Protein backbone atom coordinates (compact mmCIF):
# COMPACT_ATOMS: atom_id res chain seq x y z
CA MET A 1 93.41 296.41 54.67
CA SER A 2 92.12 298.82 57.31
CA SER A 3 89.77 298.38 59.79
CA LEU A 4 87.77 300.58 58.65
CA GLY A 5 87.70 299.26 55.08
CA THR A 6 87.23 295.83 56.12
CA PHE A 7 83.92 297.18 58.51
CA VAL A 8 82.93 298.58 55.30
CA TRP A 9 83.31 295.84 53.21
CA GLN A 10 81.70 293.39 55.89
CA ILE A 11 78.22 295.59 55.22
CA ALA A 12 78.22 293.43 51.96
CA ASP A 13 77.18 290.38 54.57
CA GLN A 14 74.08 291.80 54.00
CA LEU A 15 73.92 291.19 50.57
CA ARG A 16 74.53 287.38 50.65
CA GLY A 17 71.77 285.93 48.53
CA PRO A 18 69.87 287.92 46.52
CA PHE A 19 73.59 289.20 45.53
CA LYS A 20 76.43 287.43 43.95
CA PRO A 21 79.93 288.72 45.45
CA HIS A 22 80.83 289.91 41.88
CA GLN A 23 77.73 292.54 42.35
CA TYR A 24 78.69 293.87 46.43
CA GLY A 25 80.64 296.65 44.89
CA ASP A 26 77.89 297.83 42.70
CA VAL A 27 76.34 298.59 46.09
CA ILE A 28 79.18 299.28 48.65
CA LEU A 29 81.14 301.88 46.70
CA PRO A 30 77.88 304.17 45.65
CA MET A 31 76.71 303.98 49.27
CA THR A 32 80.13 304.79 50.72
CA ILE A 33 80.09 307.57 48.27
CA LEU A 34 77.10 308.89 49.45
CA ARG A 35 78.11 308.40 52.88
CA ARG A 36 81.01 310.60 52.26
CA LEU A 37 79.31 313.27 50.84
CA ASP A 38 76.81 313.62 53.31
CA GLY A 39 79.23 313.66 56.28
CA ILE A 40 80.81 316.53 54.18
CA MET A 41 77.25 318.65 54.38
CA THR A 42 76.47 318.06 57.47
CA ALA A 43 78.04 321.31 58.78
CA HIS A 44 77.02 323.40 55.95
CA ARG A 45 73.40 322.32 55.71
CA GLU A 46 71.31 325.34 57.50
CA ALA A 47 74.11 327.45 54.87
CA ILE A 48 72.90 325.58 51.72
CA ALA A 49 69.28 325.44 52.68
CA GLU A 50 69.14 329.72 52.81
CA VAL A 51 70.81 329.62 49.51
CA LEU A 52 68.20 327.19 47.67
CA ALA A 53 65.60 329.14 49.27
CA GLY A 54 66.62 332.42 47.93
CA THR A 55 67.18 331.46 44.24
CA ASP A 56 65.96 328.31 41.95
CA ASN A 57 69.02 329.56 39.26
CA ASP A 58 71.03 326.19 39.45
CA ASP A 59 74.34 328.53 38.44
CA LEU A 60 73.48 330.66 40.74
CA ARG A 61 72.87 328.32 43.08
CA GLU A 62 75.97 326.60 42.71
CA VAL A 63 78.08 330.01 42.56
CA ARG A 64 76.71 331.17 45.71
CA ILE A 65 77.24 327.86 48.06
CA ARG A 66 81.11 327.57 46.74
CA GLN A 67 81.51 331.27 47.95
CA GLN A 68 79.63 330.49 51.36
CA THR A 69 81.12 327.03 52.12
CA GLY A 70 83.60 326.15 49.82
CA LEU A 71 81.58 322.87 48.31
CA GLY A 72 81.46 322.23 44.83
CA PHE A 73 78.11 320.95 45.35
CA TYR A 74 74.81 320.87 47.46
CA ASN A 75 71.63 318.69 47.50
CA THR A 76 67.99 320.57 47.48
CA THR A 77 66.48 317.51 49.40
CA SER A 78 66.59 317.65 53.76
CA TRP A 79 67.42 313.92 53.61
CA THR A 80 70.23 312.85 56.09
CA PHE A 81 70.94 309.28 56.96
CA PRO A 82 69.05 309.64 60.56
CA ARG A 83 66.36 311.22 58.47
CA LEU A 84 66.28 308.11 55.82
CA LEU A 85 66.23 305.76 58.88
CA GLY A 86 63.00 307.48 60.53
CA ASP A 87 60.88 306.47 57.84
CA PRO A 88 61.63 302.70 56.82
CA GLU A 89 58.38 302.06 54.61
CA GLY A 90 59.13 304.99 52.72
CA LEU A 91 63.07 304.32 52.80
CA GLN A 92 63.50 303.31 49.01
CA ALA A 93 61.25 306.48 47.78
CA ASN A 94 63.05 308.85 50.23
CA LEU A 95 67.30 307.44 48.86
CA VAL A 96 65.75 307.72 45.32
CA ASP A 97 64.53 311.46 46.04
CA TYR A 98 67.79 311.85 48.40
CA ILE A 99 70.50 310.90 45.48
CA SER A 100 68.34 312.78 42.79
CA GLY A 101 68.40 316.03 44.64
CA PHE A 102 72.16 316.15 44.09
CA SER A 103 73.88 319.21 41.58
CA LYS A 104 74.81 318.41 38.00
CA SER A 105 78.19 317.87 39.03
CA ILE A 106 77.01 314.67 40.98
CA ASP A 107 76.54 312.41 38.20
CA VAL A 108 78.24 309.83 40.12
CA PHE A 109 75.25 307.78 41.17
CA ASP A 110 73.68 307.39 37.34
CA ARG A 111 77.13 305.91 36.32
CA PHE A 112 76.68 303.79 39.29
CA LYS A 113 73.00 302.80 38.10
CA PHE A 114 72.42 302.89 41.25
CA GLU A 115 68.68 303.36 41.49
CA ASP A 116 68.95 299.65 40.16
CA GLN A 117 70.64 298.38 43.19
CA ILE A 118 68.16 300.49 45.49
CA GLU A 119 65.38 298.85 43.99
CA ALA A 120 67.38 295.33 43.91
CA MET A 121 68.03 295.85 47.91
CA ALA A 122 64.71 296.63 48.50
CA GLU A 123 62.73 293.44 46.64
CA SER A 124 64.88 291.35 49.07
CA ASN A 125 64.23 293.26 52.05
CA ARG A 126 68.08 294.62 52.11
CA LEU A 127 67.75 298.07 51.97
CA LEU A 128 67.21 299.21 55.56
CA LEU A 129 69.68 296.65 56.92
CA VAL A 130 72.68 297.97 54.42
CA VAL A 131 71.32 301.80 55.40
CA GLN A 132 71.66 301.25 58.43
CA ARG A 133 74.73 299.76 58.43
CA PHE A 134 76.77 302.79 56.65
CA ALA A 135 74.88 305.44 59.61
CA ASP A 136 76.85 304.12 62.12
CA VAL A 137 80.22 304.64 59.96
CA ASP A 138 81.18 308.22 60.33
CA LEU A 139 83.25 309.20 56.82
CA SER A 140 83.04 312.72 57.71
CA PRO A 141 86.12 315.06 57.01
CA ASP A 142 86.46 315.56 60.50
CA ALA A 143 86.72 311.62 61.27
CA LEU A 144 88.01 310.87 57.89
CA PRO A 145 90.65 312.95 56.24
CA ASN A 146 91.01 313.27 52.81
CA ALA A 147 93.97 311.02 52.37
CA ALA A 148 92.70 308.48 54.54
CA MET A 149 89.39 308.73 52.80
CA GLY A 150 91.36 308.13 49.27
CA ASP A 151 93.19 305.25 51.11
CA LEU A 152 89.62 303.93 51.90
CA PHE A 153 88.54 304.11 48.53
CA GLU A 154 91.42 302.04 47.10
CA GLU A 155 90.51 299.34 49.56
CA LEU A 156 87.67 299.49 48.55
CA ILE A 157 87.99 299.35 44.67
CA ARG A 158 90.43 296.60 44.83
CA LYS A 159 88.31 294.35 46.87
CA PHE A 160 85.43 295.35 44.34
CA ALA A 161 87.61 293.82 41.69
CA GLU A 162 88.96 290.33 42.99
CA ALA A 163 85.51 290.10 44.30
CA SER A 164 84.60 290.34 40.46
CA ASN A 165 87.25 288.35 39.41
CA GLU A 166 89.19 291.64 37.53
CA THR A 167 92.11 293.13 37.15
CA ALA A 168 92.81 295.59 40.17
CA GLY A 169 95.81 297.34 38.25
CA GLU A 170 93.16 298.41 35.66
CA HIS A 171 91.51 300.93 38.71
CA PHE A 172 94.47 302.32 40.34
CA THR A 173 97.68 302.14 40.94
CA PRO A 174 99.89 301.34 44.29
CA ARG A 175 100.56 304.66 46.36
CA ASP A 176 103.91 303.40 46.68
CA ALA A 177 104.46 303.49 42.75
CA ILE A 178 102.59 306.76 42.51
CA ARG A 179 104.69 308.19 45.27
CA LEU A 180 107.81 307.85 43.45
CA ILE A 181 106.41 309.33 40.41
CA VAL A 182 105.39 311.97 41.81
CA ASP A 183 108.58 312.71 43.34
CA LEU A 184 110.35 312.35 40.09
CA LEU A 185 107.60 314.70 38.39
CA PHE A 186 108.21 317.48 41.00
CA ALA A 187 112.15 316.93 41.69
CA GLY A 188 114.13 319.85 40.35
CA ASP A 189 110.84 322.04 40.81
CA ASP A 190 111.10 322.53 44.59
CA LYS A 191 112.45 325.98 44.78
CA ALA A 192 109.59 327.41 41.99
CA LEU A 193 107.01 324.84 44.12
CA ALA A 194 108.05 326.92 47.14
CA ASN A 195 107.02 329.72 46.54
CA GLU A 196 103.68 331.82 48.07
CA GLY A 197 100.29 331.54 46.35
CA VAL A 198 102.47 329.20 43.51
CA VAL A 199 99.60 327.71 41.26
CA ARG A 200 100.12 324.50 39.47
CA SER A 201 97.85 322.23 37.55
CA ILE A 202 98.33 318.54 36.97
CA TYR A 203 96.44 316.27 34.13
CA ASP A 204 95.76 312.42 33.87
CA PRO A 205 94.53 311.02 31.06
CA THR A 206 93.90 307.64 32.46
CA ALA A 207 92.76 308.83 35.87
CA GLY A 208 90.84 305.66 37.31
CA THR A 209 90.35 306.35 40.60
CA GLY A 210 92.27 309.39 41.40
CA GLY A 211 94.90 308.05 43.43
CA MET A 212 97.64 309.77 41.08
CA LEU A 213 96.10 313.46 41.35
CA SER A 214 95.59 312.94 44.93
CA VAL A 215 98.78 311.93 45.76
CA ALA A 216 100.17 314.65 43.91
CA GLU A 217 98.07 317.10 45.93
CA GLU A 218 99.07 315.97 49.06
CA HIS A 219 102.72 316.05 48.13
CA LEU A 220 102.69 319.35 46.87
CA LEU A 221 100.93 320.81 49.72
CA GLU A 222 103.27 318.79 52.22
CA MET A 223 106.14 321.18 50.56
CA ASN A 224 104.10 324.41 50.67
CA PRO A 225 100.46 324.18 52.61
CA ASP A 226 99.37 327.82 50.71
CA ALA A 227 99.62 326.35 47.15
CA ARG A 228 97.15 325.45 44.65
CA LEU A 229 96.88 322.25 42.61
CA ARG A 230 94.34 322.29 39.85
CA LEU A 231 93.41 318.77 38.94
CA TYR A 232 92.10 317.59 35.52
CA GLY A 233 91.82 313.93 34.88
CA GLN A 234 89.84 311.54 32.19
CA GLU A 235 88.41 308.17 32.75
CA ILE A 236 87.20 305.14 30.49
CA ASN A 237 85.85 303.46 33.07
CA PRO A 238 82.43 304.74 34.21
CA GLN A 239 82.80 303.18 38.54
CA SER A 240 86.49 304.60 38.42
CA TYR A 241 85.10 307.85 36.92
CA ALA A 242 82.26 307.88 39.99
CA ILE A 243 84.80 307.05 42.36
CA CYS A 244 87.58 309.64 41.05
CA LYS A 245 85.26 312.63 40.60
CA SER A 246 83.68 311.75 44.26
CA ASP A 247 86.93 311.87 45.48
CA MET A 248 87.66 315.65 43.95
CA ILE A 249 84.68 316.85 45.19
CA ALA A 250 85.68 315.94 48.55
CA LYS A 251 89.14 317.57 48.12
CA GLY A 252 87.17 320.58 47.36
CA GLN A 253 88.36 320.30 43.71
CA ASP A 254 86.25 321.45 40.46
CA ALA A 255 84.14 318.57 39.58
CA THR A 256 83.81 319.25 35.97
CA ASN A 257 88.03 318.71 35.57
CA ILE A 258 87.40 315.21 35.74
CA ARG A 259 85.65 313.71 32.34
CA LEU A 260 83.95 310.46 31.38
CA GLY A 261 85.92 309.11 28.46
CA ASN A 262 88.20 307.59 25.98
CA THR A 263 90.98 310.19 25.64
CA LEU A 264 92.90 308.26 22.99
CA SER A 265 89.56 308.85 20.93
CA ASP A 266 87.78 312.01 22.77
CA ASP A 267 90.10 313.94 24.18
CA LEU A 268 87.78 316.16 26.50
CA PHE A 269 90.58 318.50 27.33
CA ALA A 270 91.58 319.91 24.08
CA GLY A 271 93.41 323.14 23.50
CA GLN A 272 94.93 322.22 26.92
CA HIS A 273 98.41 322.09 28.45
CA PHE A 274 99.18 321.42 32.05
CA ASP A 275 102.41 322.20 33.98
CA TYR A 276 102.82 318.42 34.88
CA ALA A 277 100.66 315.09 33.14
CA LEU A 278 100.85 311.85 34.73
CA SER A 279 99.90 308.17 33.92
CA ASN A 280 99.36 305.19 34.26
CA PRO A 281 98.24 303.64 30.88
CA PRO A 282 96.69 299.31 30.31
CA TYR A 283 99.66 297.77 28.86
CA GLY A 284 99.71 295.14 25.75
CA VAL A 285 95.84 296.52 25.15
CA ASP A 286 94.99 296.75 21.66
CA TRP A 287 93.31 300.36 20.49
CA LYS A 288 91.49 298.76 17.85
CA ALA A 289 88.15 300.77 18.91
CA SER A 290 89.82 304.34 19.09
CA GLN A 291 91.51 303.68 15.71
CA ALA A 292 89.27 305.37 13.41
CA ALA A 293 89.02 308.53 15.46
CA VAL A 294 92.87 308.47 16.11
CA LYS A 295 93.65 308.39 12.18
CA ALA A 296 90.61 311.22 11.71
CA HIS A 297 92.53 313.24 14.30
CA ILE A 298 95.67 312.92 12.63
CA GLN A 299 94.81 313.65 9.34
CA ASP A 300 92.49 316.91 10.15
CA ALA A 301 94.85 318.08 13.44
CA GLY A 302 98.02 318.12 11.23
CA GLU A 303 101.00 319.54 12.87
CA LEU A 304 98.82 319.86 16.32
CA SER A 305 98.03 316.04 16.16
CA ARG A 306 98.59 314.73 19.91
CA PHE A 307 100.35 311.56 17.91
CA PRO A 308 103.20 313.63 15.91
CA GLY A 309 105.61 310.43 15.89
CA GLY A 310 103.59 307.89 14.22
CA LEU A 311 101.19 304.88 15.20
CA PRO A 312 102.06 301.69 17.67
CA PRO A 313 101.09 298.17 16.64
CA ILE A 314 97.43 297.72 16.81
CA SER A 315 97.98 295.42 19.30
CA ASP A 316 99.21 297.92 21.92
CA GLY A 317 98.09 301.77 22.30
CA GLN A 318 101.03 302.60 25.21
CA MET A 319 102.87 304.97 22.73
CA LEU A 320 99.91 306.54 22.06
CA PHE A 321 99.27 307.48 25.60
CA LEU A 322 102.90 308.74 25.65
CA GLN A 323 102.72 310.64 22.75
CA HIS A 324 99.14 312.32 24.40
CA LEU A 325 101.13 313.01 27.25
CA ALA A 326 104.53 314.97 25.63
CA THR A 327 102.10 317.00 23.79
CA LYS A 328 100.03 318.00 26.81
CA MET A 329 103.00 319.39 28.30
CA ARG A 330 103.12 323.55 29.11
CA PRO A 331 104.94 324.73 25.51
CA VAL A 332 108.38 326.05 26.63
CA HIS A 333 107.38 329.84 25.73
CA GLU A 334 104.71 329.80 28.88
CA GLY A 335 107.44 328.30 31.26
CA GLY A 336 107.36 324.22 29.86
CA GLY A 337 106.03 321.21 31.29
CA ARG A 338 107.08 317.43 32.97
CA ALA A 339 105.02 314.48 32.63
CA GLY A 340 105.78 311.18 33.66
CA ILE A 341 104.11 307.50 32.27
CA VAL A 342 104.46 303.70 33.44
CA LEU A 343 105.03 302.09 30.62
CA ASN A 344 106.20 297.80 30.25
CA GLY A 345 109.60 297.25 28.06
CA SER A 346 108.04 297.25 24.74
CA PRO A 347 108.27 300.56 24.08
CA LEU A 348 111.77 301.14 24.74
CA PHE A 349 113.26 298.51 21.87
CA THR A 350 110.13 296.66 19.89
CA GLY A 351 110.00 297.63 16.13
CA ALA A 352 112.35 297.97 13.51
CA ALA A 353 114.09 300.80 11.64
CA GLU A 354 110.88 303.29 10.79
CA SER A 355 108.27 301.12 12.57
CA GLY A 356 105.74 302.46 13.98
CA PRO A 357 107.71 301.95 17.61
CA SER A 358 110.60 303.35 16.28
CA GLN A 359 109.33 306.43 14.46
CA ILE A 360 107.60 307.69 17.91
CA ARG A 361 111.18 307.22 19.96
CA ARG A 362 112.64 309.20 17.51
CA TRP A 363 110.64 312.32 17.31
CA LEU A 364 110.55 312.15 21.10
CA LEU A 365 114.59 312.05 21.42
CA GLU A 366 115.31 314.34 18.50
CA ASN A 367 113.08 316.37 19.99
CA ASP A 368 114.73 315.99 23.24
CA LEU A 369 111.70 315.22 25.48
CA VAL A 370 113.27 312.25 27.31
CA ASP A 371 114.49 313.77 30.34
CA ALA A 372 115.06 310.04 32.18
CA ILE A 373 113.76 306.85 32.60
CA VAL A 374 114.02 304.61 35.49
CA ALA A 375 113.59 301.02 35.71
CA LEU A 376 111.22 299.75 38.68
CA PRO A 377 111.43 296.25 40.76
CA THR A 378 109.38 293.86 39.24
CA ASN A 379 106.25 292.70 41.37
CA MET A 380 105.65 296.28 42.40
CA PHE A 381 101.78 296.10 40.41
CA TYR A 382 98.77 294.15 41.76
CA ASN A 383 98.47 292.77 37.73
CA THR A 384 101.50 292.05 36.30
CA GLY A 385 104.64 290.74 37.79
CA ILE A 386 106.66 292.66 34.49
CA ALA A 387 109.68 294.59 34.60
CA THR A 388 108.31 298.43 34.50
CA TYR A 389 109.74 301.89 33.84
CA VAL A 390 108.81 305.27 34.67
CA TRP A 391 109.72 307.79 31.30
CA LEU A 392 110.06 311.28 32.34
CA LEU A 393 109.35 313.69 29.71
CA ASP A 394 110.41 317.44 29.69
CA ASN A 395 110.44 320.02 27.36
CA ALA A 396 112.35 322.67 28.64
CA LYS A 397 115.30 321.08 30.47
CA PRO A 398 118.06 322.46 32.81
CA ALA A 399 121.29 323.55 30.72
CA GLU A 400 123.17 320.11 32.21
CA ARG A 401 120.49 317.92 30.99
CA ILE A 402 119.91 319.18 27.32
CA GLY A 403 120.54 316.51 24.88
CA THR A 404 120.76 313.96 27.26
CA VAL A 405 118.60 311.08 28.51
CA GLN A 406 119.57 309.63 31.97
CA LEU A 407 118.70 305.73 32.86
CA ILE A 408 118.15 305.19 36.52
CA ASP A 409 118.15 301.29 37.31
CA GLY A 410 115.42 300.83 40.43
CA THR A 411 114.89 297.02 40.15
CA GLY A 412 117.11 296.70 43.81
CA PHE A 413 115.29 299.44 45.67
CA TRP A 414 112.38 297.56 47.29
CA SER A 415 111.05 296.33 50.49
CA LYS A 416 109.33 292.89 50.89
CA LEU A 417 105.49 293.24 51.70
CA ARG A 418 104.29 291.10 54.59
CA LYS A 419 101.49 290.13 52.92
CA ASN A 420 101.00 289.80 49.23
CA LEU A 421 98.43 291.84 47.37
CA GLY A 422 97.57 290.00 44.13
CA GLN A 423 100.97 289.44 42.14
CA LYS A 424 102.18 292.77 44.59
CA ASN A 425 104.88 291.49 46.76
CA ARG A 426 107.37 294.48 46.83
CA GLU A 427 106.83 297.80 47.98
CA VAL A 428 109.37 301.22 47.10
CA SER A 429 109.82 302.50 50.59
CA ALA A 430 110.48 306.13 51.63
CA ALA A 431 113.85 304.68 51.89
CA ASN A 432 113.73 303.74 48.63
CA ARG A 433 111.96 306.13 47.31
CA ALA A 434 114.71 308.78 48.16
CA GLU A 435 117.36 306.53 47.16
CA ILE A 436 116.08 306.92 43.33
CA VAL A 437 115.61 310.53 43.51
CA ARG A 438 118.73 311.59 45.19
CA LEU A 439 120.19 309.44 41.78
CA TYR A 440 118.49 311.43 39.49
CA ASP A 441 119.12 315.18 41.24
CA GLU A 442 122.81 313.94 41.53
CA HIS A 443 122.66 313.62 37.76
CA VAL A 444 126.28 311.67 37.46
CA GLU A 445 127.54 308.40 36.12
CA GLN A 446 127.10 305.65 38.64
CA LYS A 447 126.79 301.86 39.02
CA HIS A 448 123.00 302.56 38.93
CA SER A 449 123.24 305.72 36.74
CA LYS A 450 123.96 306.14 32.97
CA ILE A 451 123.87 309.38 31.07
CA PHE A 452 123.55 309.23 27.35
CA ARG A 453 123.45 311.57 24.43
CA ASN A 454 119.93 311.67 22.58
CA ASP A 455 121.64 310.62 19.38
CA GLU A 456 123.62 307.25 21.51
CA PHE A 457 120.31 305.58 21.04
CA GLY A 458 119.75 305.97 16.73
CA TYR A 459 121.24 303.74 14.26
CA TRP A 460 121.02 303.15 10.44
CA THR A 461 119.66 299.56 9.14
CA ILE A 462 121.79 298.88 6.23
CA THR A 463 120.87 296.50 3.41
CA VAL A 464 123.73 294.21 2.62
CA GLU A 465 123.95 292.78 -0.75
CA ARG A 466 126.04 290.24 -2.47
CA PRO A 467 125.65 289.30 -6.02
CA LEU A 468 123.86 286.42 -7.68
CA ARG A 469 125.87 283.46 -9.56
CA ASN A 470 125.23 281.32 -12.16
CA GLU A 471 125.20 277.63 -12.27
CA ASP A 472 129.08 278.53 -13.09
CA ASP A 473 129.64 280.56 -10.19
CA GLU A 474 129.99 283.42 -12.22
CA ILE A 475 128.47 287.04 -11.06
CA VAL A 476 125.43 287.67 -12.90
CA ARG A 477 124.82 291.19 -14.34
CA ASP A 478 122.31 293.65 -15.45
CA ARG A 479 122.48 295.68 -19.29
CA LYS A 480 124.66 298.07 -16.99
CA GLY A 481 127.65 295.42 -16.21
CA ASN A 482 125.99 295.84 -12.58
CA ALA A 483 126.09 292.41 -9.89
CA LYS A 484 122.48 291.79 -9.66
CA PRO A 485 122.21 291.15 -5.91
CA ASP A 486 120.85 287.69 -4.53
CA PRO A 487 117.38 287.74 -2.32
CA LYS A 488 118.62 285.02 -0.78
CA LEU A 489 121.76 286.41 0.28
CA ARG A 490 120.65 289.61 1.55
CA ASP A 491 121.22 290.66 4.83
CA THR A 492 121.12 293.23 7.10
CA GLU A 493 123.29 294.93 10.01
CA ASN A 494 122.42 298.08 12.58
CA VAL A 495 124.95 300.24 12.52
CA PRO A 496 124.66 302.53 15.56
CA PHE A 497 124.90 306.69 14.79
CA THR A 498 128.31 307.09 17.46
CA TRP A 499 129.52 304.11 15.55
CA GLY A 500 133.53 304.58 15.52
CA GLY A 501 133.42 307.08 18.22
CA ASN A 502 131.63 309.41 15.82
CA GLU A 503 129.86 312.32 17.59
CA GLN A 504 128.11 313.81 14.88
CA GLY A 505 125.32 311.32 14.79
CA GLU A 506 123.33 311.76 11.57
CA SER A 507 124.98 314.21 9.98
CA ALA A 508 127.72 311.74 9.51
CA ARG A 509 125.76 309.08 7.90
CA ASP A 510 127.63 308.13 4.77
CA ALA A 511 131.34 308.05 6.19
CA VAL A 512 130.43 306.18 9.45
CA ILE A 513 127.98 303.50 7.54
CA GLN A 514 131.61 303.18 5.06
CA ALA A 515 133.88 302.55 7.85
CA TYR A 516 131.39 300.45 9.39
CA PHE A 517 131.29 298.04 6.37
CA GLU A 518 134.61 298.27 5.74
CA ALA A 519 135.18 297.05 9.15
CA GLU A 520 132.85 294.79 10.37
CA VAL A 521 131.38 293.46 7.15
CA LEU A 522 134.24 293.57 4.10
CA PRO A 523 136.27 290.98 6.00
CA HIS A 524 133.62 288.06 5.85
CA VAL A 525 132.16 288.56 2.65
CA GLU A 526 134.47 290.07 0.26
CA ASP A 527 131.92 290.40 -2.91
CA ALA A 528 129.16 292.37 -0.99
CA TRP A 529 127.72 295.93 -0.90
CA VAL A 530 125.50 298.31 0.79
CA ASP A 531 122.53 299.34 -1.21
CA ALA A 532 122.00 303.13 -0.24
CA ALA A 533 118.69 303.53 -1.44
CA LYS A 534 116.99 300.95 1.45
CA THR A 535 119.14 302.18 4.29
CA LYS A 536 116.73 303.15 7.32
CA ILE A 537 117.00 305.28 10.17
CA GLY A 538 116.11 303.13 13.85
CA TYR A 539 115.98 304.25 17.52
CA GLU A 540 115.96 302.03 20.41
CA ILE A 541 116.62 302.25 24.32
CA PRO A 542 118.69 299.00 25.36
CA PHE A 543 118.04 299.61 28.57
CA THR A 544 118.80 296.33 30.45
CA ARG A 545 122.32 296.35 28.04
CA HIS A 546 123.70 298.64 29.87
CA PHE A 547 123.08 297.75 33.13
CA TYR A 548 124.24 294.22 32.45
CA GLU A 549 126.98 292.63 34.69
CA TYR A 550 129.35 289.67 33.47
CA VAL A 551 129.18 286.94 35.86
CA PRO A 552 131.83 284.49 35.01
CA PRO A 553 131.15 281.02 34.74
CA ARG A 554 132.65 279.33 37.68
CA PRO A 555 136.05 276.97 37.18
CA LEU A 556 135.43 273.71 35.45
CA GLU A 557 137.67 272.15 38.47
CA GLU A 558 135.03 273.17 40.34
CA ILE A 559 132.09 272.02 38.74
CA ASP A 560 133.46 268.54 38.19
CA ALA A 561 134.64 268.54 42.21
CA GLU A 562 130.66 268.91 42.69
CA LEU A 563 129.69 266.50 39.86
CA ASN A 564 131.95 264.03 41.70
CA GLN A 565 130.54 264.50 45.02
CA LEU A 566 126.90 264.09 43.49
CA VAL A 567 127.84 260.96 41.75
CA GLY A 568 129.33 259.38 45.32
CA GLU A 569 125.84 260.38 47.15
CA ILE A 570 123.62 258.95 44.79
CA MET A 571 126.26 255.84 44.05
CA GLU A 572 126.05 255.68 48.13
CA LEU A 573 121.95 255.63 48.26
CA LEU A 574 121.96 253.16 45.24
CA ARG A 575 124.09 250.64 47.36
CA GLU A 576 122.09 251.04 50.35
CA VAL A 577 119.35 250.13 48.55
CA GLU A 578 120.95 247.30 46.92
CA ARG A 579 121.39 246.16 50.77
């Protein structure tokens, strides 16, 4: 943790006793936001006062202040931290007046229920101490640039999550992971992004504290200082929303583009599309609370549904976010869009043929929306050590990528952290990131990069029947003379679209299935047949299988020699005990 982050968090020492550790963040986070906003306004106080004196129309005030100062907010009071400390007796009322004086775009203090915290601090004689300590911290843009302020927010929210015994990963994504996703998202668009006056929009439906949006903006401005990136985000957690929105305000972004709500049940950017979209949705979290709204949306929206591939199991909503992101990309006729999303392994392969997950994969692959999937190192995130993957989506692929999916094994590209952060003990360094992006850019077959046609992930699940036999081992037949199937002997087989070198995919279905059946089934069960009416289509992406490397077992002679050596050592120890 940085020295500034440590200092700010240590202000919580003033809260010991009346406040429990899990309550510290309810004070520290909004106070940090207030101090930042106070610092931003310092250089513009006179201009703001002149505009406020000239009109009482809130909308007009906002327009004029933005024109004169570049700020997307204002405060109608004259309070500053020094002025607040100049009236200790009236501090509680004055501080409430200060936060109530912000323009309507600043709703973050309501989300923190900060007036309640002010009252609690005043009753326990802690309010003056806390305000004094924050007055000693310079959080103005001159002292702390936007990027550093974003890092401070990240540190504080992680500490708050730890103190609350919450999952840090529910609030934000590690910066090294975000930088990799953003680099991959922008890869291939470098020339266009370097054009003078380029404008791009980027959207995160699970914005958290805004880390992905911030890093995307930083990256683009590094590439092209004259570029403009319009940031949009939706977040379900009120505190995370408050921090994200504050961060966007500090950056001069349009604060109304950060919205509070459940993306699955209520798309607050309905009908809008974006150049880029990215997300790190929760893994393995059920979507029961959104189920009714999702189903109603599908029924009402029809072909314009945000979930055109189908519905995943109620126990895990990851693939809903995956589809939502795919439908948020800018349409092809408007130039197309790209999206990046971090998921665990289950969306790759869970679900049998024609199940919800399989149908979603089918929709994505048959519409050629999956550009690449990158396996990340384990132990990359604060709240889980499991395998994770970045899915890159693109609805306007370059010619060499059309009809294909690139799989990249990035599991070995990591550096060890000096100190664990939750379950995170690895990071993708700048060098690691460059290597993964290089693999993507080169788009060739090699050890860590495999390229497949979309239809290579498809298969038919065929139902293999065997005849029912009576006690005399005779086949039981129906009135038409057809053999009756024995349910106990019924079996299924998965036949890849490309089995036997077929390159025609599903169009060669009957011939491929018959050839497979004759080669793989009949030699073992001569009386079997395929019930064609039960054939189903499935799609899966067996990522790890494609990168599996066989390691032969050690020779038996070597194992025997090692065992003999161990037995000899054990016998020698036993003899020493007997002595």
